[in-house]
N, C-alpha and C. Protein backbone atom coordinates (compact mmCIF):
# COMPACT_ATOMS: atom_id res chain seq x y z
N UNK A 1 36.39 7.53 -12.14
CA UNK A 1 35.61 6.63 -12.85
C UNK A 1 35.81 6.06 -14.42
N UNK A 2 36.24 7.38 -15.29
CA UNK A 2 36.42 6.45 -16.52
C UNK A 2 37.46 5.22 -16.66
N UNK A 3 38.44 5.96 -15.62
CA UNK A 3 39.63 4.43 -15.71
C UNK A 3 39.04 3.12 -15.39
N UNK A 4 38.38 3.03 -14.41
CA UNK A 4 38.29 1.86 -14.22
C UNK A 4 37.21 1.07 -15.18
N UNK A 5 36.34 2.02 -15.55
CA UNK A 5 36.00 1.53 -16.72
C UNK A 5 36.31 0.81 -18.31
N UNK A 6 37.15 1.59 -18.21
CA UNK A 6 38.05 1.36 -19.32
C UNK A 6 39.06 -0.19 -19.13
N UNK A 7 39.21 0.30 -17.91
CA UNK A 7 40.35 -0.94 -17.28
C UNK A 7 39.46 -1.99 -17.05
N UNK A 8 38.07 -2.21 -16.88
CA UNK A 8 37.05 -3.09 -16.90
C UNK A 8 36.52 -3.68 -18.42
N UNK A 9 36.59 -3.16 -18.95
CA UNK A 9 35.97 -3.42 -20.71
C UNK A 9 37.24 -4.19 -20.93
N UNK A 10 38.89 -3.80 -20.76
CA UNK A 10 39.55 -4.17 -21.25
C UNK A 10 40.49 -5.39 -20.69
N UNK A 11 39.99 -5.34 -19.57
CA UNK A 11 40.06 -7.06 -18.77
C UNK A 11 39.02 -8.09 -19.60
N UNK A 12 37.43 -7.68 -19.62
CA UNK A 12 36.56 -8.50 -20.05
C UNK A 12 37.08 -8.84 -21.85
N UNK A 13 37.37 -7.66 -22.27
CA UNK A 13 37.39 -8.35 -23.68
C UNK A 13 38.40 -9.02 -24.05
N UNK A 14 39.70 -9.23 -23.30
CA UNK A 14 40.67 -10.02 -22.93
C UNK A 14 40.29 -11.45 -22.45
N UNK A 15 39.56 -11.56 -21.76
CA UNK A 15 38.96 -12.59 -21.30
C UNK A 15 38.02 -13.73 -22.60
N UNK A 16 37.55 -12.99 -22.52
CA UNK A 16 36.60 -13.02 -24.14
C UNK A 16 37.32 -13.43 -25.19
N UNK A 17 38.55 -13.33 -25.48
CA UNK A 17 39.57 -13.27 -26.21
C UNK A 17 40.07 -14.62 -25.98
N UNK A 18 40.55 -14.54 -24.89
CA UNK A 18 41.19 -16.02 -24.10
C UNK A 18 40.68 -17.19 -24.30
N UNK A 19 39.13 -17.02 -23.68
CA UNK A 19 38.02 -18.37 -23.92
C UNK A 19 37.77 -18.64 -25.18
N UNK A 20 38.02 -17.92 -26.27
CA UNK A 20 37.83 -18.38 -27.93
C UNK A 20 38.93 -19.28 -28.29
N UNK A 21 40.06 -18.63 -28.14
CA UNK A 21 41.65 -19.10 -28.20
C UNK A 21 41.03 -20.73 -27.46
N UNK A 22 41.06 -20.45 -26.30
CA UNK A 22 41.16 -21.68 -25.70
C UNK A 22 40.31 -22.91 -26.47
N UNK A 23 39.37 -21.93 -26.46
CA UNK A 23 37.75 -23.28 -27.00
C UNK A 23 38.00 -24.28 -28.30
N UNK A 24 38.76 -23.11 -29.20
CA UNK A 24 38.77 -23.49 -30.79
C UNK A 24 40.04 -24.02 -31.33
N UNK A 25 41.41 -23.83 -30.27
CA UNK A 25 42.43 -23.69 -30.83
C UNK A 25 42.96 -25.63 -30.67
N UNK A 26 43.70 -25.85 -31.52
CA UNK A 26 43.87 -27.33 -31.16
C UNK A 26 45.33 -27.91 -30.36
N UNK A 27 45.49 -27.07 -29.32
CA UNK A 27 46.62 -27.36 -28.47
C UNK A 27 46.55 -27.35 -27.33
N UNK A 28 45.28 -28.48 -26.71
CA UNK A 28 45.45 -28.75 -25.37
C UNK A 28 46.17 -29.62 -25.02
N UNK A 29 46.65 -30.59 -25.85
CA UNK A 29 47.71 -31.46 -25.30
C UNK A 29 48.35 -31.78 -26.51
N UNK A 30 49.86 -31.84 -26.31
CA UNK A 30 50.96 -31.86 -27.56
C UNK A 30 51.84 -33.05 -26.97
N UNK A 31 52.57 -33.67 -27.96
CA UNK A 31 53.13 -34.74 -27.61
C UNK A 31 53.82 -35.23 -29.16
N UNK A 32 54.93 -34.79 -28.95
CA UNK A 32 55.47 -34.93 -30.32
C UNK A 32 55.34 -34.27 -31.99
N UNK A 33 54.47 -35.34 -32.70
CA UNK A 33 54.33 -34.97 -34.29
C UNK A 33 52.58 -34.99 -33.54
N UNK A 34 51.66 -35.06 -32.51
CA UNK A 34 50.72 -35.51 -32.03
C UNK A 34 50.51 -34.06 -31.49
N UNK A 35 48.55 -33.50 -31.74
CA UNK A 35 48.17 -32.59 -30.53
C UNK A 35 46.80 -33.04 -30.47
N UNK A 36 46.24 -33.03 -29.40
CA UNK A 36 44.61 -33.18 -29.04
C UNK A 36 43.91 -32.19 -28.77
N UNK A 37 42.98 -32.09 -28.69
CA UNK A 37 42.23 -30.98 -28.39
C UNK A 37 40.67 -31.04 -27.94
N UNK A 38 39.64 -30.12 -28.18
CA UNK A 38 38.43 -30.60 -27.89
C UNK A 38 37.73 -31.32 -28.62
N UNK A 39 38.07 -30.65 -30.10
CA UNK A 39 36.84 -31.16 -31.40
C UNK A 39 38.29 -32.03 -32.03
N UNK A 40 39.27 -32.04 -32.53
CA UNK A 40 40.07 -32.86 -33.37
C UNK A 40 41.32 -34.22 -32.72
N UNK A 41 42.16 -34.65 -33.02
CA UNK A 41 43.11 -35.38 -32.96
C UNK A 41 43.96 -34.91 -34.11
N UNK A 42 44.86 -34.29 -34.31
CA UNK A 42 46.05 -34.33 -35.58
C UNK A 42 47.45 -35.11 -35.17
N UNK A 43 47.39 -35.09 -36.43
CA UNK A 43 49.13 -35.66 -36.28
C UNK A 43 49.52 -34.96 -37.47
N UNK A 44 51.06 -34.88 -37.47
CA UNK A 44 51.97 -34.24 -38.64
C UNK A 44 52.63 -35.84 -39.06
N UNK A 45 52.11 -35.69 -40.11
CA UNK A 45 53.25 -36.91 -41.34
C UNK A 45 53.56 -36.49 -42.44
N UNK A 46 54.92 -36.73 -42.30
CA UNK A 46 55.64 -36.29 -43.79
C UNK A 46 55.56 -35.02 -44.64
N UNK A 47 55.50 -33.97 -43.39
CA UNK A 47 55.05 -32.55 -43.72
C UNK A 47 53.59 -32.56 -43.77
N UNK A 48 52.96 -33.53 -43.82
CA UNK A 48 51.33 -33.16 -43.95
C UNK A 48 50.69 -33.14 -42.89
N UNK A 49 49.42 -32.66 -42.58
CA UNK A 49 48.91 -32.53 -41.09
C UNK A 49 47.30 -33.01 -41.48
N UNK A 50 47.48 -34.04 -40.68
CA UNK A 50 46.23 -34.54 -41.07
C UNK A 50 45.35 -34.99 -39.62
N UNK A 51 43.78 -34.84 -39.83
CA UNK A 51 43.15 -34.47 -38.14
C UNK A 51 42.08 -35.76 -38.06
N UNK A 52 41.40 -36.03 -37.29
CA UNK A 52 40.63 -36.91 -37.16
C UNK A 52 39.45 -36.24 -35.69
N UNK A 53 38.03 -36.51 -36.31
CA UNK A 53 37.36 -36.16 -34.92
C UNK A 53 37.96 -36.71 -34.00
N UNK A 54 37.39 -35.80 -32.61
CA UNK A 54 37.75 -36.34 -31.37
C UNK A 54 36.97 -37.92 -30.95
N UNK A 55 37.37 -38.30 -30.44
CA UNK A 55 36.54 -39.08 -29.77
C UNK A 55 35.53 -39.14 -29.01
N UNK A 56 34.48 -39.74 -29.22
CA UNK A 56 32.84 -39.41 -28.46
C UNK A 56 32.85 -39.03 -26.75
N UNK A 57 33.87 -39.74 -26.36
CA UNK A 57 33.80 -39.64 -24.52
C UNK A 57 33.00 -39.01 -23.93
N UNK A 58 32.13 -39.23 -23.25
CA UNK A 58 31.15 -38.32 -22.90
C UNK A 58 31.57 -37.37 -21.76
N UNK A 59 33.36 -37.28 -21.30
CA UNK A 59 33.72 -36.71 -20.47
C UNK A 59 33.93 -35.52 -21.41
N UNK A 60 34.79 -36.19 -22.41
CA UNK A 60 35.00 -34.72 -23.93
C UNK A 60 34.01 -33.81 -23.67
N UNK A 61 32.73 -34.58 -23.96
CA UNK A 61 31.69 -33.78 -24.55
C UNK A 61 31.23 -32.84 -23.19
N UNK A 62 30.94 -33.38 -22.23
CA UNK A 62 31.25 -32.07 -21.23
C UNK A 62 32.28 -31.13 -20.85
N UNK A 63 33.48 -31.48 -21.54
CA UNK A 63 34.49 -30.40 -21.74
C UNK A 63 34.08 -29.61 -22.47
N UNK A 64 33.59 -29.95 -23.82
CA UNK A 64 33.30 -29.17 -24.82
C UNK A 64 32.08 -28.05 -24.54
N UNK A 65 31.38 -28.71 -24.02
CA UNK A 65 29.94 -28.15 -24.00
C UNK A 65 30.08 -27.02 -22.72
N UNK A 66 30.86 -27.26 -21.56
CA UNK A 66 31.35 -26.08 -20.54
C UNK A 66 31.81 -25.21 -21.18
N UNK A 67 32.93 -25.41 -22.18
CA UNK A 67 34.11 -24.57 -22.57
C UNK A 67 33.18 -23.73 -23.83
N UNK A 68 32.17 -24.30 -24.62
CA UNK A 68 31.30 -23.48 -24.78
C UNK A 68 30.54 -22.37 -24.15
N UNK A 69 29.84 -23.28 -23.33
CA UNK A 69 29.13 -22.10 -21.89
C UNK A 69 29.76 -20.86 -21.69
N UNK A 70 31.28 -21.63 -21.26
CA UNK A 70 31.58 -20.22 -20.57
C UNK A 70 32.26 -19.26 -21.62
N UNK A 71 32.04 -19.49 -22.69
CA UNK A 71 32.69 -18.31 -24.03
C UNK A 71 31.67 -17.73 -24.20
N UNK A 72 30.06 -18.30 -23.85
CA UNK A 72 28.86 -17.58 -24.25
C UNK A 72 28.43 -16.88 -23.01
N UNK A 73 28.74 -17.30 -21.98
CA UNK A 73 28.25 -16.31 -20.77
C UNK A 73 29.37 -15.42 -20.54
N UNK A 74 30.36 -15.70 -21.10
CA UNK A 74 31.20 -14.24 -21.01
C UNK A 74 30.89 -13.14 -22.31
N UNK A 75 30.65 -13.60 -23.29
CA UNK A 75 30.15 -12.64 -23.96
C UNK A 75 28.89 -11.97 -23.33
N UNK A 76 27.74 -12.97 -22.85
CA UNK A 76 26.54 -12.25 -22.47
C UNK A 76 26.62 -11.45 -21.41
N UNK A 77 27.79 -11.61 -20.36
CA UNK A 77 27.75 -10.96 -19.24
C UNK A 77 28.32 -9.38 -19.65
N UNK A 78 29.27 -9.26 -20.91
CA UNK A 78 29.65 -8.25 -21.29
C UNK A 78 28.85 -7.32 -21.95
N UNK A 79 27.74 -8.05 -22.86
CA UNK A 79 26.68 -6.98 -23.39
C UNK A 79 25.92 -6.81 -22.43
N UNK A 80 25.37 -7.64 -21.16
CA UNK A 80 24.73 -7.31 -20.23
C UNK A 80 24.95 -5.91 -19.46
N UNK A 81 26.75 -5.58 -19.23
CA UNK A 81 26.89 -4.93 -18.52
C UNK A 81 27.11 -3.68 -19.09
N UNK A 82 27.72 -3.68 -20.49
CA UNK A 82 27.10 -2.09 -21.25
C UNK A 82 25.62 -1.77 -21.07
N UNK A 83 24.51 -2.93 -21.64
CA UNK A 83 23.06 -2.53 -21.14
C UNK A 83 23.26 -1.89 -20.24
N UNK A 84 23.25 -2.31 -18.58
CA UNK A 84 23.12 -1.94 -17.19
C UNK A 84 24.10 -0.41 -17.22
N UNK A 85 24.87 -0.95 -18.26
CA UNK A 85 25.94 0.53 -17.91
C UNK A 85 25.41 2.19 -17.87
N UNK A 86 24.24 1.91 -19.05
CA UNK A 86 23.40 3.41 -19.57
C UNK A 86 22.13 2.81 -19.11
N UNK A 87 21.74 1.88 -18.10
CA UNK A 87 20.33 1.97 -18.02
C UNK A 87 19.78 1.46 -16.67
N UNK A 88 21.24 1.40 -15.74
CA UNK A 88 20.87 0.83 -14.39
C UNK A 88 20.76 2.19 -13.53
N UNK A 89 20.28 2.24 -12.41
CA UNK A 89 19.77 3.62 -11.69
C UNK A 89 21.15 3.71 -10.98
N UNK A 90 21.33 4.83 -11.18
CA UNK A 90 22.43 5.92 -10.18
C UNK A 90 23.17 5.01 -8.48
N UNK A 91 23.95 4.05 -8.11
CA UNK A 91 24.19 4.12 -6.92
C UNK A 91 24.04 2.36 -7.25
N UNK A 92 23.22 2.29 -8.49
CA UNK A 92 23.03 0.63 -8.42
C UNK A 92 24.55 -0.16 -8.91
N UNK A 93 24.06 -1.56 -8.45
CA UNK A 93 25.15 -2.80 -8.56
C UNK A 93 24.60 -3.49 -9.62
N UNK A 94 26.32 -4.05 -10.45
CA UNK A 94 26.07 -4.57 -11.72
C UNK A 94 26.25 -6.53 -11.64
N UNK A 95 24.78 -6.74 -10.40
CA UNK A 95 24.78 -7.84 -10.12
C UNK A 95 24.26 -8.99 -11.29
N UNK A 96 23.58 -8.73 -12.27
CA UNK A 96 23.12 -9.68 -13.48
C UNK A 96 24.56 -10.19 -14.26
N UNK A 97 25.34 -8.85 -14.51
CA UNK A 97 26.55 -8.97 -14.94
C UNK A 97 27.56 -9.68 -13.94
N UNK A 98 27.67 -9.66 -12.99
CA UNK A 98 28.52 -10.48 -12.19
C UNK A 98 28.19 -12.29 -11.53
N UNK A 99 26.83 -12.26 -12.15
CA UNK A 99 26.36 -13.54 -12.14
C UNK A 99 26.64 -14.83 -13.12
N UNK A 100 26.08 -13.76 -14.39
CA UNK A 100 26.68 -14.43 -15.15
C UNK A 100 28.58 -14.88 -15.77
N UNK A 101 29.28 -13.81 -15.13
CA UNK A 101 30.64 -13.94 -15.12
C UNK A 101 31.17 -14.64 -14.03
N UNK A 102 30.35 -14.47 -12.80
CA UNK A 102 30.52 -16.09 -12.13
C UNK A 102 30.62 -17.18 -12.56
N UNK A 103 29.53 -17.39 -13.50
CA UNK A 103 28.97 -18.34 -13.59
C UNK A 103 29.96 -18.78 -14.89
N UNK A 104 30.50 -18.08 -15.84
CA UNK A 104 31.34 -18.11 -16.84
C UNK A 104 32.65 -18.98 -15.86
N UNK A 105 33.18 -18.43 -15.12
CA UNK A 105 34.31 -19.05 -14.39
C UNK A 105 34.08 -20.15 -13.60
N UNK A 106 32.90 -20.34 -13.48
CA UNK A 106 32.81 -21.69 -12.79
C UNK A 106 32.72 -22.88 -14.11
N UNK A 107 31.94 -22.38 -15.05
CA UNK A 107 32.42 -23.21 -16.48
C UNK A 107 33.21 -23.90 -16.97
N UNK A 108 34.41 -22.64 -16.94
CA UNK A 108 35.84 -22.83 -17.57
C UNK A 108 36.83 -23.87 -16.49
N UNK A 109 36.15 -23.42 -15.16
CA UNK A 109 37.64 -24.38 -14.35
C UNK A 109 36.43 -25.87 -14.54
N UNK A 110 35.00 -26.13 -14.40
CA UNK A 110 34.86 -27.37 -14.46
C UNK A 110 35.60 -27.91 -15.35
N UNK A 111 35.24 -27.38 -16.77
CA UNK A 111 35.80 -27.89 -17.95
C UNK A 111 37.04 -28.65 -17.58
N UNK A 112 38.12 -27.22 -17.18
CA UNK A 112 39.45 -27.81 -17.35
C UNK A 112 40.18 -28.83 -15.92
N UNK A 113 39.42 -28.99 -15.04
CA UNK A 113 39.25 -29.93 -14.07
C UNK A 113 38.90 -31.20 -14.92
N UNK A 114 37.79 -31.55 -15.42
CA UNK A 114 37.35 -32.72 -16.22
C UNK A 114 38.43 -33.06 -16.97
N UNK A 115 39.12 -32.26 -17.79
CA UNK A 115 40.06 -32.46 -18.84
C UNK A 115 41.26 -32.83 -17.85
N UNK A 116 41.57 -32.58 -16.88
CA UNK A 116 42.95 -32.85 -16.25
C UNK A 116 42.99 -34.26 -15.45
N UNK A 117 41.71 -34.34 -15.34
CA UNK A 117 41.66 -35.80 -14.22
C UNK A 117 41.15 -37.02 -15.77
N UNK A 118 40.34 -36.44 -16.70
CA UNK A 118 39.71 -37.54 -17.80
C UNK A 118 40.41 -37.76 -18.54
N UNK A 119 41.72 -36.69 -18.77
CA UNK A 119 41.94 -37.54 -20.30
C UNK A 119 42.78 -38.62 -20.35
N UNK A 120 43.33 -39.33 -21.58
CA UNK A 120 42.95 -40.82 -21.76
C UNK A 120 44.38 -41.22 -21.16
N UNK A 121 44.54 -42.24 -21.35
CA UNK A 121 46.19 -42.77 -20.88
C UNK A 121 47.05 -42.72 -22.05
N UNK A 122 46.54 -43.27 -23.10
CA UNK A 122 47.66 -43.30 -24.27
C UNK A 122 48.45 -41.78 -24.15
N UNK A 123 47.43 -40.49 -23.79
CA UNK A 123 47.81 -39.06 -24.03
C UNK A 123 49.22 -38.81 -22.75
N UNK A 124 48.81 -39.54 -21.85
CA UNK A 124 49.71 -39.05 -20.88
C UNK A 124 50.82 -39.64 -20.44
N UNK A 125 51.34 -40.62 -21.33
CA UNK A 125 52.44 -41.33 -21.68
C UNK A 125 53.51 -40.36 -21.82
N UNK A 126 53.52 -39.53 -22.50
CA UNK A 126 54.52 -38.53 -22.69
C UNK A 126 54.01 -37.54 -23.19
N UNK A 127 52.96 -36.68 -22.84
CA UNK A 127 52.32 -35.67 -23.18
C UNK A 127 52.67 -34.53 -22.63
N UNK A 128 52.45 -33.20 -23.17
CA UNK A 128 52.54 -31.85 -22.17
C UNK A 128 51.49 -31.12 -22.64
N UNK A 129 51.13 -30.21 -21.74
CA UNK A 129 49.70 -29.71 -21.83
C UNK A 129 49.86 -28.69 -22.66
N UNK A 130 49.15 -28.31 -23.65
CA UNK A 130 49.60 -27.11 -24.78
C UNK A 130 49.15 -25.81 -24.40
N UNK A 131 49.35 -24.77 -24.86
CA UNK A 131 49.33 -23.40 -24.53
C UNK A 131 47.46 -23.01 -24.62
N UNK A 132 46.70 -24.16 -25.23
CA UNK A 132 45.30 -23.39 -25.16
C UNK A 132 44.91 -23.86 -23.61
N UNK A 133 45.24 -25.15 -23.01
CA UNK A 133 44.67 -25.79 -21.71
C UNK A 133 45.58 -24.57 -20.99
N UNK A 134 46.76 -24.26 -20.95
CA UNK A 134 46.79 -22.81 -19.96
C UNK A 134 46.24 -21.78 -20.20
N UNK A 135 45.78 -21.75 -21.28
CA UNK A 135 44.64 -20.45 -21.46
C UNK A 135 43.04 -20.55 -21.02
N UNK A 136 42.79 -21.89 -20.67
CA UNK A 136 42.00 -21.82 -20.30
C UNK A 136 42.07 -21.94 -18.59
N UNK A 137 42.78 -22.16 -17.87
CA UNK A 137 42.98 -22.32 -16.77
C UNK A 137 43.34 -20.49 -16.59
N UNK A 138 44.19 -19.68 -16.92
CA UNK A 138 44.11 -18.55 -17.06
C UNK A 138 42.53 -17.79 -17.29
N UNK A 139 42.11 -18.27 -17.93
CA UNK A 139 40.34 -17.68 -18.00
C UNK A 139 39.48 -17.92 -16.66
N UNK A 140 39.89 -18.82 -16.12
CA UNK A 140 39.32 -19.14 -14.44
C UNK A 140 39.41 -17.82 -13.85
N UNK A 141 40.88 -17.85 -13.29
CA UNK A 141 40.89 -16.33 -12.14
C UNK A 141 40.49 -15.33 -13.19
N UNK A 142 40.62 -14.99 -13.93
CA UNK A 142 40.29 -13.56 -14.59
C UNK A 142 39.10 -13.60 -14.75
N UNK A 143 38.09 -14.36 -15.36
CA UNK A 143 36.70 -14.55 -15.31
C UNK A 143 35.71 -13.99 -13.70
N UNK A 144 36.69 -14.76 -12.79
CA UNK A 144 36.37 -14.87 -11.46
C UNK A 144 36.77 -13.57 -10.75
N UNK A 145 37.54 -12.54 -10.89
CA UNK A 145 37.97 -12.09 -10.32
C UNK A 145 36.90 -10.95 -11.02
N UNK A 146 36.91 -10.69 -12.34
CA UNK A 146 36.34 -9.33 -13.02
C UNK A 146 34.68 -10.00 -12.30
N UNK A 147 34.39 -10.80 -12.32
CA UNK A 147 32.86 -11.52 -11.59
C UNK A 147 32.98 -10.57 -10.67
N UNK A 148 33.73 -11.01 -9.25
CA UNK A 148 34.06 -9.99 -8.18
C UNK A 148 33.92 -8.71 -8.15
N UNK A 149 34.51 -8.09 -9.46
CA UNK A 149 34.75 -6.68 -9.43
C UNK A 149 33.03 -6.32 -9.92
N UNK A 150 32.66 -7.08 -10.67
CA UNK A 150 30.88 -6.31 -10.96
C UNK A 150 30.19 -6.71 -9.83
N UNK A 151 30.65 -7.38 -8.90
CA UNK A 151 29.63 -7.02 -7.71
C UNK A 151 30.30 -6.10 -6.86
N UNK A 152 30.80 -5.56 -6.73
CA UNK A 152 31.52 -5.08 -5.92
C UNK A 152 31.21 -3.23 -6.32
N UNK A 153 31.21 -3.33 -7.88
CA UNK A 153 31.19 -2.46 -8.30
C UNK A 153 30.05 -1.23 -8.54
N UNK A 154 29.71 -0.26 -8.17
CA UNK A 154 28.63 1.00 -8.06
C UNK A 154 28.70 1.93 -9.30
N UNK A 155 27.14 2.09 -10.07
CA UNK A 155 27.54 3.05 -10.91
C UNK A 155 27.39 4.46 -9.87
N UNK A 156 27.91 4.85 -10.72
CA UNK A 156 28.51 6.28 -9.97
C UNK A 156 27.37 7.02 -10.14
N UNK A 157 27.29 7.87 -8.92
CA UNK A 157 26.27 9.39 -8.70
C UNK A 157 26.44 10.16 -9.63
């Protein structure tokens, strides 16, 4: 049981790190000397790095909110897991933790889908998705799997 708990804690901490990186790093979309993310549009000119705030499109604000919510819910579910680990009755399930973790996975999935579908046409011409975008998509199955593990997991008697 100790090995399972350590594995779950490591998985959960990995998910939190992935979500923080994908939400904050300026590499959702890259194109030559330009990079776009949820917060800034940056360009490299003559060795300098110049950034301006991202546009105020409604879809981009929705992606920002969903990614922040996904990160917060993942952190909260980890805190709830630790609390339930010490207070839950023997044989009980970690359902409260599982609900928050599954919601986190749905938030990150929704944010990544909206960004994929709604990114502007000027970005689509010669762009490639950056590693932060890939990390967001990687966080979705990881958080969903850990949420399902929390549903199945029972506190050992």
